[in-house]
Amino acid sequence: MRNINAKVSGYRKMVLFVMFDISTETKKDLEKYRKFRKKLLDFGFIMFQYSVYVRFCNSLVIAQKYEKKIEDIAPTNGSIRIMKITESQYSNMITIENYREKPEEKVAQQGQTFMVF
């Protein structure tokens, strides 16, 4: 029998990126953009960069659940891309940034939240 309390490997945890380009030219477009962005925040995503949001997931199954949710709320007037990588792959990211608050600090806080049970 598998130990339920066993530590989850960084190769099994997933980081889900949502990247989008949604028109904001009209008031209706802007409303759709705001609604989509608010839903991402409601789902627990945080802004990584402009139009790039990230969420840690404890498993592939959970990441796939969020992919489906995003498909269900996607506005028809834009381009949305979803990418999954493992937490271990994410930790190998190289960041060159010297001009503002680093989004990794917020992401690290979110990752720590998932590790506390």
PDB file of N, CA and C in Angstrom:
ATOM      1  N   MET A   1       0.835  -1.186   0.000  1.00  0.00           N
ATOM      2  CA  MET A   1       0.000   0.000   0.000  1.00  0.00           C
ATOM      3  C   MET A   1       0.882   1.252   0.000  1.00  0.00           C
ATOM      4  N   ARG A   2       0.520   2.236  -0.773  1.00  0.00           N
ATOM      5  CA  ARG A   2       1.297   3.463  -0.912  1.00  0.00           C
ATOM      6  C   ARG A   2       1.108   4.378   0.295  1.00  0.00           C
ATOM      7  N   ASN A   3       2.182   4.979   0.745  1.00  0.00           N
ATOM      8  CA  ASN A   3       2.129   5.911   1.864  1.00  0.00           C
ATOM      9  C   ASN A   3       1.559   7.239   1.382  1.00  0.00           C
ATOM     10  N   ILE A   4       0.410   7.629   1.916  1.00  0.00           N
ATOM     11  CA  ILE A   4      -0.270   8.848   1.485  1.00  0.00           C
ATOM     12  C   ILE A   4       0.515  10.087   1.879  1.00  0.00           C
ATOM     13  N   ASN A   5       1.245  10.025   2.968  1.00  0.00           N
ATOM     14  CA  ASN A   5       1.984  11.179   3.462  1.00  0.00           C
ATOM     15  C   ASN A   5       3.369  11.319   2.840  1.00  0.00           C
ATOM     16  N   ALA A   6       3.703  10.470   1.881  1.00  0.00           N
ATOM     17  CA  ALA A   6       5.021  10.539   1.249  1.00  0.00           C
ATOM     18  C   ALA A   6       5.179  11.882   0.527  1.00  0.00           C
ATOM     19  N   LYS A   7       6.393  12.406   0.553  1.00  0.00           N
ATOM     20  CA  LYS A   7       6.678  13.672  -0.115  1.00  0.00           C
ATOM     21  C   LYS A   7       6.502  13.510  -1.625  1.00  0.00           C
ATOM     22  N   VAL A   8       5.834  14.472  -2.243  1.00  0.00           N
ATOM     23  CA  VAL A   8       5.604  14.434  -3.687  1.00  0.00           C
ATOM     24  C   VAL A   8       6.851  14.944  -4.384  1.00  0.00           C
ATOM     25  N   SER A   9       7.341  14.199  -5.335  1.00  0.00           N
ATOM     26  CA  SER A   9       8.550  14.543  -6.078  1.00  0.00           C
ATOM     27  C   SER A   9       8.336  15.797  -6.915  1.00  0.00           C
ATOM     28  N   GLY A  10       9.403  16.580  -7.077  1.00  0.00           N
ATOM     29  CA  GLY A  10       9.354  17.757  -7.932  1.00  0.00           C
ATOM     30  C   GLY A  10       9.127  17.412  -9.391  1.00  0.00           C
ATOM     31  N   TYR A  11       9.302  16.138  -9.743  1.00  0.00           N
ATOM     32  CA  TYR A  11       9.040  15.706 -11.110  1.00  0.00           C
ATOM     33  C   TYR A  11       7.570  15.385 -11.311  1.00  0.00           C
ATOM     34  N   ARG A  12       6.814  15.259 -10.232  1.00  0.00           N
ATOM     35  CA  ARG A  12       5.397  14.946 -10.340  1.00  0.00           C
ATOM     36  C   ARG A  12       4.536  16.193 -10.196  1.00  0.00           C
ATOM     37  N   LYS A  13       5.039  17.186  -9.459  1.00  0.00           N
ATOM     38  CA  LYS A  13       4.312  18.446  -9.332  1.00  0.00           C
ATOM     39  C   LYS A  13       4.448  19.204 -10.649  1.00  0.00           C
ATOM     40  N   MET A  14       3.409  19.908 -11.013  1.00  0.00           N
ATOM     41  CA  MET A  14       3.400  20.618 -12.284  1.00  0.00           C
ATOM     42  C   MET A  14       3.257  22.123 -12.055  1.00  0.00           C
ATOM     43  N   VAL A  15       3.827  22.886 -12.968  1.00  0.00           N
ATOM     44  CA  VAL A  15       3.648  24.331 -13.007  1.00  0.00           C
ATOM     45  C   VAL A  15       2.915  24.609 -14.304  1.00  0.00           C
ATOM     46  N   LEU A  16       1.780  25.266 -14.184  1.00  0.00           N
ATOM     47  CA  LEU A  16       0.924  25.528 -15.336  1.00  0.00           C
ATOM     48  C   LEU A  16       1.034  27.004 -15.703  1.00  0.00           C
ATOM     49  N   PHE A  17       1.438  27.272 -16.943  1.00  0.00           N
ATOM     50  CA  PHE A  17       1.525  28.633 -17.461  1.00  0.00           C
ATOM     51  C   PHE A  17       0.351  28.884 -18.401  1.00  0.00           C
ATOM     52  N   VAL A  18      -0.273  30.043 -18.269  1.00  0.00           N
ATOM     53  CA  VAL A  18      -1.316  30.478 -19.198  1.00  0.00           C
ATOM     54  C   VAL A  18      -0.841  31.797 -19.792  1.00  0.00           C
ATOM     55  N   MET A  19      -0.702  31.810 -21.108  1.00  0.00           N
ATOM     56  CA  MET A  19      -0.251  32.999 -21.827  1.00  0.00           C
ATOM     57  C   MET A  19      -1.365  33.398 -22.784  1.00  0.00           C
ATOM     58  N   PHE A  20      -1.716  34.669 -22.803  1.00  0.00           N
ATOM     59  CA  PHE A  20      -2.845  35.048 -23.651  1.00  0.00           C
ATOM     60  C   PHE A  20      -2.663  36.418 -24.279  1.00  0.00           C
ATOM     61  N   ASP A  21      -3.326  36.569 -25.394  1.00  0.00           N
ATOM     62  CA  ASP A  21      -3.400  37.832 -26.109  1.00  0.00           C
ATOM     63  C   ASP A  21      -4.869  38.004 -26.475  1.00  0.00           C
ATOM     64  N   ILE A  22      -5.557  38.833 -25.714  1.00  0.00           N
ATOM     65  CA  ILE A  22      -6.991  39.042 -25.908  1.00  0.00           C
ATOM     66  C   ILE A  22      -7.209  40.512 -26.246  1.00  0.00           C
ATOM     67  N   SER A  23      -7.987  40.761 -27.256  1.00  0.00           N
ATOM     68  CA  SER A  23      -8.261  42.119 -27.712  1.00  0.00           C
ATOM     69  C   SER A  23      -8.905  42.947 -26.595  1.00  0.00           C
ATOM     70  N   THR A  24      -8.505  44.227 -26.519  1.00  0.00           N
ATOM     71  CA  THR A  24      -9.103  45.165 -25.565  1.00  0.00           C
ATOM     72  C   THR A  24      -9.517  46.452 -26.285  1.00  0.00           C
ATOM     73  N   GLU A  25      -9.816  46.347 -27.573  1.00  0.00           N
ATOM     74  CA  GLU A  25     -10.104  47.526 -28.384  1.00  0.00           C
ATOM     75  C   GLU A  25     -11.472  48.134 -28.100  1.00  0.00           C
ATOM     76  N   THR A  26     -12.469  47.313 -27.854  1.00  0.00           N
ATOM     77  CA  THR A  26     -13.812  47.826 -27.583  1.00  0.00           C
ATOM     78  C   THR A  26     -14.157  47.607 -26.113  1.00  0.00           C
ATOM     79  N   LYS A  27     -15.230  48.251 -25.654  1.00  0.00           N
ATOM     80  CA  LYS A  27     -15.667  48.057 -24.270  1.00  0.00           C
ATOM     81  C   LYS A  27     -16.056  46.601 -24.025  1.00  0.00           C
ATOM     82  N   LYS A  28     -16.670  45.984 -25.006  1.00  0.00           N
ATOM     83  CA  LYS A  28     -17.066  44.581 -24.875  1.00  0.00           C
ATOM     84  C   LYS A  28     -15.821  43.681 -24.800  1.00  0.00           C
ATOM     85  N   ASP A  29     -14.824  43.958 -25.635  1.00  0.00           N
ATOM     86  CA  ASP A  29     -13.559  43.204 -25.587  1.00  0.00           C
ATOM     87  C   ASP A  29     -12.894  43.357 -24.217  1.00  0.00           C
ATOM     88  N   LEU A  30     -12.853  44.576 -23.726  1.00  0.00           N
ATOM     89  CA  LEU A  30     -12.230  44.856 -22.442  1.00  0.00           C
ATOM     90  C   LEU A  30     -12.953  44.112 -21.313  1.00  0.00           C
ATOM     91  N   GLU A  31     -14.265  44.058 -21.397  1.00  0.00           N
ATOM     92  CA  GLU A  31     -15.051  43.327 -20.394  1.00  0.00           C
ATOM     93  C   GLU A  31     -14.713  41.833 -20.427  1.00  0.00           C
ATOM     94  N   LYS A  32     -14.584  41.276 -21.630  1.00  0.00           N
ATOM     95  CA  LYS A  32     -14.222  39.854 -21.760  1.00  0.00           C
ATOM     96  C   LYS A  32     -12.815  39.597 -21.212  1.00  0.00           C
ATOM     97  N   TYR A  33     -11.885  40.500 -21.497  1.00  0.00           N
ATOM     98  CA  TYR A  33     -10.516  40.390 -20.986  1.00  0.00           C
ATOM     99  C   TYR A  33     -10.519  40.390 -19.461  1.00  0.00           C
ATOM    100  N   ARG A  34     -11.218  41.366 -18.870  1.00  0.00           N
ATOM    101  CA  ARG A  34     -11.248  41.483 -17.408  1.00  0.00           C
ATOM    102  C   ARG A  34     -11.887  40.252 -16.758  1.00  0.00           C
ATOM    103  N   LYS A  35     -12.945  39.764 -17.377  1.00  0.00           N
ATOM    104  CA  LYS A  35     -13.628  38.574 -16.833  1.00  0.00           C
ATOM    105  C   LYS A  35     -12.694  37.359 -16.881  1.00  0.00           C
ATOM    106  N   PHE A  36     -11.970  37.178 -17.985  1.00  0.00           N
ATOM    107  CA  PHE A  36     -11.046  36.054 -18.124  1.00  0.00           C
ATOM    108  C   PHE A  36      -9.915  36.169 -17.089  1.00  0.00           C
ATOM    109  N   ARG A  37      -9.342  37.343 -16.963  1.00  0.00           N
ATOM    110  CA  ARG A  37      -8.251  37.557 -16.013  1.00  0.00           C
ATOM    111  C   ARG A  37      -8.723  37.324 -14.577  1.00  0.00           C
ATOM    112  N   LYS A  38      -9.911  37.807 -14.239  1.00  0.00           N
ATOM    113  CA  LYS A  38     -10.446  37.609 -12.889  1.00  0.00           C
ATOM    114  C   LYS A  38     -10.655  36.126 -12.599  1.00  0.00           C
ATOM    115  N   LYS A  39     -11.128  35.379 -13.583  1.00  0.00           N
ATOM    116  CA  LYS A  39     -11.321  33.939 -13.397  1.00  0.00           C
ATOM    117  C   LYS A  39      -9.986  33.245 -13.146  1.00  0.00           C
ATOM    118  N   LEU A  40      -8.939  33.638 -13.879  1.00  0.00           N
ATOM    119  CA  LEU A  40      -7.617  33.063 -13.633  1.00  0.00           C
ATOM    120  C   LEU A  40      -7.198  33.299 -12.182  1.00  0.00           C
ATOM    121  N   LEU A  41      -7.398  34.513 -11.701  1.00  0.00           N
ATOM    122  CA  LEU A  41      -7.049  34.831 -10.316  1.00  0.00           C
ATOM    123  C   LEU A  41      -7.899  34.002  -9.343  1.00  0.00           C
ATOM    124  N   ASP A  42      -9.188  33.847  -9.656  1.00  0.00           N
ATOM    125  CA  ASP A  42     -10.073  33.023  -8.826  1.00  0.00           C
ATOM    126  C   ASP A  42      -9.604  31.568  -8.784  1.00  0.00           C
ATOM    127  N   PHE A  43      -9.008  31.088  -9.879  1.00  0.00           N
ATOM    128  CA  PHE A  43      -8.505  29.712  -9.954  1.00  0.00           C
ATOM    129  C   PHE A  43      -7.165  29.554  -9.221  1.00  0.00           C
ATOM    130  N   GLY A  44      -6.615  30.644  -8.702  1.00  0.00           N
ATOM    131  CA  GLY A  44      -5.363  30.564  -7.960  1.00  0.00           C
ATOM    132  C   GLY A  44      -4.121  30.865  -8.767  1.00  0.00           C
ATOM    133  N   PHE A  45      -4.282  31.381  -9.985  1.00  0.00           N
ATOM    134  CA  PHE A  45      -3.131  31.791 -10.787  1.00  0.00           C
ATOM    135  C   PHE A  45      -2.633  33.134 -10.285  1.00  0.00           C
ATOM    136  N   ILE A  46      -1.346  33.387 -10.474  1.00  0.00           N
ATOM    137  CA  ILE A  46      -0.790  34.701 -10.174  1.00  0.00           C
ATOM    138  C   ILE A  46      -0.112  35.236 -11.436  1.00  0.00           C
ATOM    139  N   MET A  47      -0.071  36.571 -11.522  1.00  0.00           N
ATOM    140  CA  MET A  47       0.553  37.169 -12.698  1.00  0.00           C
ATOM    141  C   MET A  47       2.059  36.971 -12.613  1.00  0.00           C
ATOM    142  N   PHE A  48       2.610  36.367 -13.629  1.00  0.00           N
ATOM    143  CA  PHE A  48       4.043  36.115 -13.729  1.00  0.00           C
ATOM    144  C   PHE A  48       4.700  37.251 -14.509  1.00  0.00           C
ATOM    145  N   GLN A  49       4.110  37.586 -15.634  1.00  0.00           N
ATOM    146  CA  GLN A  49       4.456  38.740 -16.453  1.00  0.00           C
ATOM    147  C   GLN A  49       3.150  39.202 -17.080  1.00  0.00           C
ATOM    148  N   TYR A  50       3.154  40.326 -17.760  1.00  0.00           N
ATOM    149  CA  TYR A  50       1.927  40.779 -18.408  1.00  0.00           C
ATOM    150  C   TYR A  50       1.411  39.689 -19.339  1.00  0.00           C
ATOM    151  N   SER A  51       0.160  39.339 -19.156  1.00  0.00           N
ATOM    152  CA  SER A  51      -0.532  38.316 -19.948  1.00  0.00           C
ATOM    153  C   SER A  51       0.083  36.925 -19.812  1.00  0.00           C
ATOM    154  N   VAL A  52       0.853  36.698 -18.757  1.00  0.00           N
ATOM    155  CA  VAL A  52       1.394  35.372 -18.445  1.00  0.00           C
ATOM    156  C   VAL A  52       1.084  35.099 -16.981  1.00  0.00           C
ATOM    157  N   TYR A  53       0.322  34.056 -16.747  1.00  0.00           N
ATOM    158  CA  TYR A  53      -0.083  33.690 -15.390  1.00  0.00           C
ATOM    159  C   TYR A  53       0.403  32.277 -15.093  1.00  0.00           C
ATOM    160  N   VAL A  54       0.664  32.010 -13.810  1.00  0.00           N
ATOM    161  CA  VAL A  54       1.250  30.736 -13.423  1.00  0.00           C
ATOM    162  C   VAL A  54       0.524  30.201 -12.185  1.00  0.00           C
ATOM    163  N   ARG A  55       0.446  28.865 -12.130  1.00  0.00           N
ATOM    164  CA  ARG A  55      -0.153  28.201 -10.976  1.00  0.00           C
ATOM    165  C   ARG A  55       0.573  26.888 -10.727  1.00  0.00           C
ATOM    166  N   PHE A  56       0.894  26.617  -9.463  1.00  0.00           N
ATOM    167  CA  PHE A  56       1.481  25.329  -9.100  1.00  0.00           C
ATOM    168  C   PHE A  56       0.360  24.322  -8.889  1.00  0.00           C
ATOM    169  N   CYS A  57       0.584  23.094  -9.345  1.00  0.00           N
ATOM    170  CA  CYS A  57      -0.382  22.015  -9.180  1.00  0.00           C
ATOM    171  C   CYS A  57       0.355  20.804  -8.602  1.00  0.00           C
ATOM    172  N   ASN A  58      -0.269  20.108  -7.690  1.00  0.00           N
ATOM    173  CA  ASN A  58       0.374  18.969  -7.035  1.00  0.00           C
ATOM    174  C   ASN A  58       0.477  17.728  -7.906  1.00  0.00           C
ATOM    175  N   SER A  59      -0.188  17.732  -9.060  1.00  0.00           N
ATOM    176  CA  SER A  59      -0.121  16.559  -9.931  1.00  0.00           C
ATOM    177  C   SER A  59      -0.534  16.931 -11.351  1.00  0.00           C
ATOM    178  N   LEU A  60      -0.256  16.020 -12.267  1.00  0.00           N
ATOM    179  CA  LEU A  60      -0.677  16.189 -13.662  1.00  0.00           C
ATOM    180  C   LEU A  60      -2.194  16.231 -13.763  1.00  0.00           C
ATOM    181  N   VAL A  61      -2.863  15.425 -12.989  1.00  0.00           N
ATOM    182  CA  VAL A  61      -4.336  15.371 -13.024  1.00  0.00           C
ATOM    183  C   VAL A  61      -4.933  16.723 -12.641  1.00  0.00           C
ATOM    184  N   ILE A  62      -4.382  17.345 -11.608  1.00  0.00           N
ATOM    185  CA  ILE A  62      -4.874  18.663 -11.196  1.00  0.00           C
ATOM    186  C   ILE A  62      -4.583  19.701 -12.275  1.00  0.00           C
ATOM    187  N   ALA A  63      -3.406  19.647 -12.881  1.00  0.00           N
ATOM    188  CA  ALA A  63      -3.068  20.578 -13.964  1.00  0.00           C
ATOM    189  C   ALA A  63      -4.050  20.424 -15.122  1.00  0.00           C
ATOM    190  N   GLN A  64      -4.391  19.199 -15.460  1.00  0.00           N
ATOM    191  CA  GLN A  64      -5.344  18.948 -16.545  1.00  0.00           C
ATOM    192  C   GLN A  64      -6.732  19.478 -16.193  1.00  0.00           C
ATOM    193  N   LYS A  65      -7.101  19.417 -14.921  1.00  0.00           N
ATOM    194  CA  LYS A  65      -8.385  19.964 -14.472  1.00  0.00           C
ATOM    195  C   LYS A  65      -8.438  21.467 -14.749  1.00  0.00           C
ATOM    196  N   TYR A  66      -7.332  22.158 -14.458  1.00  0.00           N
ATOM    197  CA  TYR A  66      -7.296  23.602 -14.695  1.00  0.00           C
ATOM    198  C   TYR A  66      -7.233  23.930 -16.187  1.00  0.00           C
ATOM    199  N   GLU A  67      -6.580  23.096 -16.965  1.00  0.00           N
ATOM    200  CA  GLU A  67      -6.595  23.298 -18.424  1.00  0.00           C
ATOM    201  C   GLU A  67      -8.034  23.286 -18.938  1.00  0.00           C
ATOM    202  N   LYS A  68      -8.807  22.337 -18.466  1.00  0.00           N
ATOM    203  CA  LYS A  68     -10.216  22.215 -18.894  1.00  0.00           C
ATOM    204  C   LYS A  68     -11.010  23.443 -18.452  1.00  0.00           C
ATOM    205  N   LYS A  69     -10.795  23.899 -17.217  1.00  0.00           N
ATOM    206  CA  LYS A  69     -11.502  25.084 -16.730  1.00  0.00           C
ATOM    207  C   LYS A  69     -11.198  26.300 -17.611  1.00  0.00           C
ATOM    208  N   ILE A  70      -9.930  26.435 -18.005  1.00  0.00           N
ATOM    209  CA  ILE A  70      -9.536  27.571 -18.840  1.00  0.00           C
ATOM    210  C   ILE A  70     -10.183  27.463 -20.220  1.00  0.00           C
ATOM    211  N   GLU A  71     -10.213  26.266 -20.770  1.00  0.00           N
ATOM    212  CA  GLU A  71     -10.898  26.072 -22.055  1.00  0.00           C
ATOM    213  C   GLU A  71     -12.356  26.492 -21.958  1.00  0.00           C
ATOM    214  N   ASP A  72     -12.992  26.187 -20.837  1.00  0.00           N
ATOM    215  CA  ASP A  72     -14.411  26.503 -20.656  1.00  0.00           C
ATOM    216  C   ASP A  72     -14.689  27.996 -20.561  1.00  0.00           C
ATOM    217  N   ILE A  73     -13.738  28.784 -20.066  1.00  0.00           N
ATOM    218  CA  ILE A  73     -13.972  30.225 -19.891  1.00  0.00           C
ATOM    219  C   ILE A  73     -13.295  31.082 -20.959  1.00  0.00           C
ATOM    220  N   ALA A  74     -12.596  30.458 -21.882  1.00  0.00           N
ATOM    221  CA  ALA A  74     -11.816  31.205 -22.877  1.00  0.00           C
ATOM    222  C   ALA A  74     -12.712  32.061 -23.770  1.00  0.00           C
ATOM    223  N   PRO A  75     -12.404  33.355 -23.869  1.00  0.00           N
ATOM    224  CA  PRO A  75     -13.145  34.200 -24.809  1.00  0.00           C
ATOM    225  C   PRO A  75     -12.799  33.821 -26.244  1.00  0.00           C
ATOM    226  N   THR A  76     -13.703  34.116 -27.147  1.00  0.00           N
ATOM    227  CA  THR A  76     -13.521  33.706 -28.547  1.00  0.00           C
ATOM    228  C   THR A  76     -12.663  34.676 -29.354  1.00  0.00           C
ATOM    229  N   ASN A  77     -12.341  35.825 -28.787  1.00  0.00           N
ATOM    230  CA  ASN A  77     -11.608  36.845 -29.555  1.00  0.00           C
ATOM    231  C   ASN A  77     -10.165  36.992 -29.098  1.00  0.00           C
ATOM    232  N   GLY A  78      -9.438  35.903 -29.093  1.00  0.00           N
ATOM    233  CA  GLY A  78      -8.056  36.005 -28.676  1.00  0.00           C
ATOM    234  C   GLY A  78      -7.305  34.708 -28.839  1.00  0.00           C
ATOM    235  N   SER A  79      -6.075  34.714 -28.362  1.00  0.00           N
ATOM    236  CA  SER A  79      -5.206  33.550 -28.431  1.00  0.00           C
ATOM    237  C   SER A  79      -4.760  33.209 -27.012  1.00  0.00           C
ATOM    238  N   ILE A  80      -4.979  31.957 -26.620  1.00  0.00           N
ATOM    239  CA  ILE A  80      -4.594  31.504 -25.285  1.00  0.00           C
ATOM    240  C   ILE A  80      -3.738  30.261 -25.453  1.00  0.00           C
ATOM    241  N   ARG A  81      -2.614  30.248 -24.762  1.00  0.00           N
ATOM    242  CA  ARG A  81      -1.716  29.093 -24.791  1.00  0.00           C
ATOM    243  C   ARG A  81      -1.500  28.626 -23.361  1.00  0.00           C
ATOM    244  N   ILE A  82      -1.531  27.309 -23.183  1.00  0.00           N
ATOM    245  CA  ILE A  82      -1.310  26.710 -21.874  1.00  0.00           C
ATOM    246  C   ILE A  82      -0.120  25.773 -21.993  1.00  0.00           C
ATOM    247  N   MET A  83       0.798  25.895 -21.033  1.00  0.00           N
ATOM    248  CA  MET A  83       1.990  25.049 -21.050  1.00  0.00           C
ATOM    249  C   MET A  83       2.190  24.465 -19.659  1.00  0.00           C
ATOM    250  N   LYS A  84       2.497  23.181 -19.595  1.00  0.00           N
ATOM    251  CA  LYS A  84       2.795  22.512 -18.337  1.00  0.00           C
ATOM    252  C   LYS A  84       4.267  22.138 -18.325  1.00  0.00           C
ATOM    253  N   ILE A  85       4.906  22.366 -17.180  1.00  0.00           N
ATOM    254  CA  ILE A  85       6.257  21.865 -16.956  1.00  0.00           C
ATOM    255  C   ILE A  85       6.309  21.333 -15.530  1.00  0.00           C
ATOM    256  N   THR A  86       7.288  20.495 -15.255  1.00  0.00           N
ATOM    257  CA  THR A  86       7.417  19.991 -13.893  1.00  0.00           C
ATOM    258  C   THR A  86       8.017  21.071 -12.999  1.00  0.00           C
ATOM    259  N   GLU A  87       7.790  20.909 -11.706  1.00  0.00           N
ATOM    260  CA  GLU A  87       8.362  21.851 -10.756  1.00  0.00           C
ATOM    261  C   GLU A  87       9.889  21.833 -10.829  1.00  0.00           C
ATOM    262  N   SER A  88      10.468  20.650 -11.074  1.00  0.00           N
ATOM    263  CA  SER A  88      11.921  20.549 -11.209  1.00  0.00           C
ATOM    264  C   SER A  88      12.419  21.322 -12.428  1.00  0.00           C
ATOM    265  N   GLN A  89      11.696  21.241 -13.547  1.00  0.00           N
ATOM    266  CA  GLN A  89      12.080  22.012 -14.722  1.00  0.00           C
ATOM    267  C   GLN A  89      11.970  23.506 -14.439  1.00  0.00           C
ATOM    268  N   TYR A  90      10.915  23.901 -13.749  1.00  0.00           N
ATOM    269  CA  TYR A  90      10.718  25.308 -13.405  1.00  0.00           C
ATOM    270  C   TYR A  90      11.882  25.832 -12.568  1.00  0.00           C
ATOM    271  N   SER A  91      12.355  25.009 -11.636  1.00  0.00           N
ATOM    272  CA  SER A  91      13.437  25.452 -10.754  1.00  0.00           C
ATOM    273  C   SER A  91      14.743  25.671 -11.511  1.00  0.00           C
ATOM    274  N   ASN A  92      14.844  25.158 -12.738  1.00  0.00           N
ATOM    275  CA  ASN A  92      16.044  25.355 -13.561  1.00  0.00           C
ATOM    276  C   ASN A  92      15.970  26.611 -14.428  1.00  0.00           C
ATOM    277  N   MET A  93      14.887  27.373 -14.309  1.00  0.00           N
ATOM    278  CA  MET A  93      14.726  28.577 -15.116  1.00  0.00           C
ATOM    279  C   MET A  93      15.794  29.599 -14.752  1.00  0.00           C
ATOM    280  N   ILE A  94      16.328  30.246 -15.740  1.00  0.00           N
ATOM    281  CA  ILE A  94      17.291  31.331 -15.529  1.00  0.00           C
ATOM    282  C   ILE A  94      16.543  32.641 -15.729  1.00  0.00           C
ATOM    283  N   THR A  95      16.689  33.544 -14.780  1.00  0.00           N
ATOM    284  CA  THR A  95      15.994  34.822 -14.839  1.00  0.00           C
ATOM    285  C   THR A  95      17.024  35.946 -14.867  1.00  0.00           C
ATOM    286  N   ILE A  96      16.862  36.824 -15.830  1.00  0.00           N
ATOM    287  CA  ILE A  96      17.710  38.014 -15.916  1.00  0.00           C
ATOM    288  C   ILE A  96      16.761  39.197 -15.832  1.00  0.00           C
ATOM    289  N   GLU A  97      16.740  39.818 -14.670  1.00  0.00           N
ATOM    290  CA  GLU A  97      15.790  40.900 -14.449  1.00  0.00           C
ATOM    291  C   GLU A  97      16.346  41.803 -13.371  1.00  0.00           C
ATOM    292  N   ASN A  98      16.455  43.087 -13.677  1.00  0.00           N
ATOM    293  CA  ASN A  98      17.064  44.010 -12.725  1.00  0.00           C
ATOM    294  C   ASN A  98      16.264  45.294 -12.535  1.00  0.00           C
ATOM    295  N   TYR A  99      14.988  45.288 -12.898  1.00  0.00           N
ATOM    296  CA  TYR A  99      14.313  46.578 -12.903  1.00  0.00           C
ATOM    297  C   TYR A  99      13.029  46.668 -12.098  1.00  0.00           C
ATOM    298  N   ARG A 100      12.527  45.572 -11.549  1.00  0.00           N
ATOM    299  CA  ARG A 100      11.286  45.655 -10.782  1.00  0.00           C
ATOM    300  C   ARG A 100      11.164  44.470  -9.832  1.00  0.00           C
ATOM    301  N   GLU A 101      10.056  44.414  -9.135  1.00  0.00           N
ATOM    302  CA  GLU A 101       9.801  43.304  -8.218  1.00  0.00           C
ATOM    303  C   GLU A 101       9.829  41.986  -8.986  1.00  0.00           C
ATOM    304  N   LYS A 102      10.457  41.003  -8.441  1.00  0.00           N
ATOM    305  CA  LYS A 102      10.592  39.713  -9.114  1.00  0.00           C
ATOM    306  C   LYS A 102       9.362  38.843  -8.857  1.00  0.00           C
ATOM    307  N   PRO A 103       8.695  38.377  -9.915  1.00  0.00           N
ATOM    308  CA  PRO A 103       7.496  37.554  -9.721  1.00  0.00           C
ATOM    309  C   PRO A 103       7.809  36.226  -9.050  1.00  0.00           C
ATOM    310  N   GLU A 104       9.068  35.792  -9.090  1.00  0.00           N
ATOM    311  CA  GLU A 104       9.440  34.517  -8.472  1.00  0.00           C
ATOM    312  C   GLU A 104       9.180  34.525  -6.975  1.00  0.00           C
ATOM    313  N   GLU A 105       9.255  35.719  -6.356  1.00  0.00           N
ATOM    314  CA  GLU A 105       8.998  35.798  -4.927  1.00  0.00           C
ATOM    315  C   GLU A 105       7.553  35.417  -4.624  1.00  0.00           C
ATOM    316  N   LYS A 106       6.613  35.887  -5.449  1.00  0.00           N
ATOM    317  CA  LYS A 106       5.209  35.523  -5.270  1.00  0.00           C
ATOM    318  C   LYS A 106       4.990  34.050  -5.605  1.00  0.00           C
ATOM    319  N   VAL A 107       5.642  33.583  -6.658  1.00  0.00           N
ATOM    320  CA  VAL A 107       5.504  32.186  -7.063  1.00  0.00           C
ATOM    321  C   VAL A 107       6.052  31.272  -5.971  1.00  0.00           C
ATOM    322  N   ALA A 108       7.171  31.652  -5.370  1.00  0.00           N
ATOM    323  CA  ALA A 108       7.762  30.845  -4.295  1.00  0.00           C
ATOM    324  C   ALA A 108       6.801  30.750  -3.120  1.00  0.00           C
ATOM    325  N   GLN A 109       6.120  31.854  -2.803  1.00  0.00           N
ATOM    326  CA  GLN A 109       5.141  31.832  -1.724  1.00  0.00           C
ATOM    327  C   GLN A 109       4.002  30.877  -2.054  1.00  0.00           C
ATOM    328  N   GLN A 110       3.539  30.893  -3.311  1.00  0.00           N
ATOM    329  CA  GLN A 110       2.463  30.001  -3.714  1.00  0.00           C
ATOM    330  C   GLN A 110       2.923  28.551  -3.633  1.00  0.00           C
ATOM    331  N   GLY A 111       4.144  28.274  -4.095  1.00  0.00           N
ATOM    332  CA  GLY A 111       4.675  26.919  -4.040  1.00  0.00           C
ATOM    333  C   GLY A 111       4.795  26.429  -2.608  1.00  0.00           C
ATOM    334  N   GLN A 112       5.190  27.302  -1.709  1.00  0.00           N
ATOM    335  CA  GLN A 112       5.305  26.931  -0.307  1.00  0.00           C
ATOM    336  C   GLN A 112       3.940  26.631   0.286  1.00  0.00           C
ATOM    337  N   THR A 113       2.921  27.340  -0.154  1.00  0.00           N
ATOM    338  CA  THR A 113       1.573  27.095   0.340  1.00  0.00           C
ATOM    339  C   THR A 113       1.141  25.680   0.034  1.00  0.00           C
ATOM    340  N   PHE A 114       1.487  25.175  -1.143  1.00  0.00           N
ATOM    341  CA  PHE A 114       1.082  23.835  -1.519  1.00  0.00           C
ATOM    342  C   PHE A 114       1.864  22.765  -0.779  1.00  0.00           C
ATOM    343  N   MET A 115       3.033  23.107  -0.286  1.00  0.00           N
ATOM    344  CA  MET A 115       3.858  22.117   0.382  1.00  0.00           C
ATOM    345  C   MET A 115       3.465  21.936   1.846  1.00  0.00           C
ATOM    346  N   VAL A 116       2.679  22.858   2.397  1.00  0.00           N
ATOM    347  CA  VAL A 116       2.276  22.777   3.795  1.00  0.00           C
ATOM    348  C   VAL A 116       0.935  22.077   3.867  1.00  0.00           C
ATOM    349  N   PHE A 117       0.867  20.987   4.628  1.00  0.00           N
ATOM    350  CA  PHE A 117      -0.388  20.239   4.750  1.00  0.00           C
ATOM    351  C   PHE A 117      -0.834  20.173   6.188  1.00  0.00           C
TER     352      PHE A 117
END
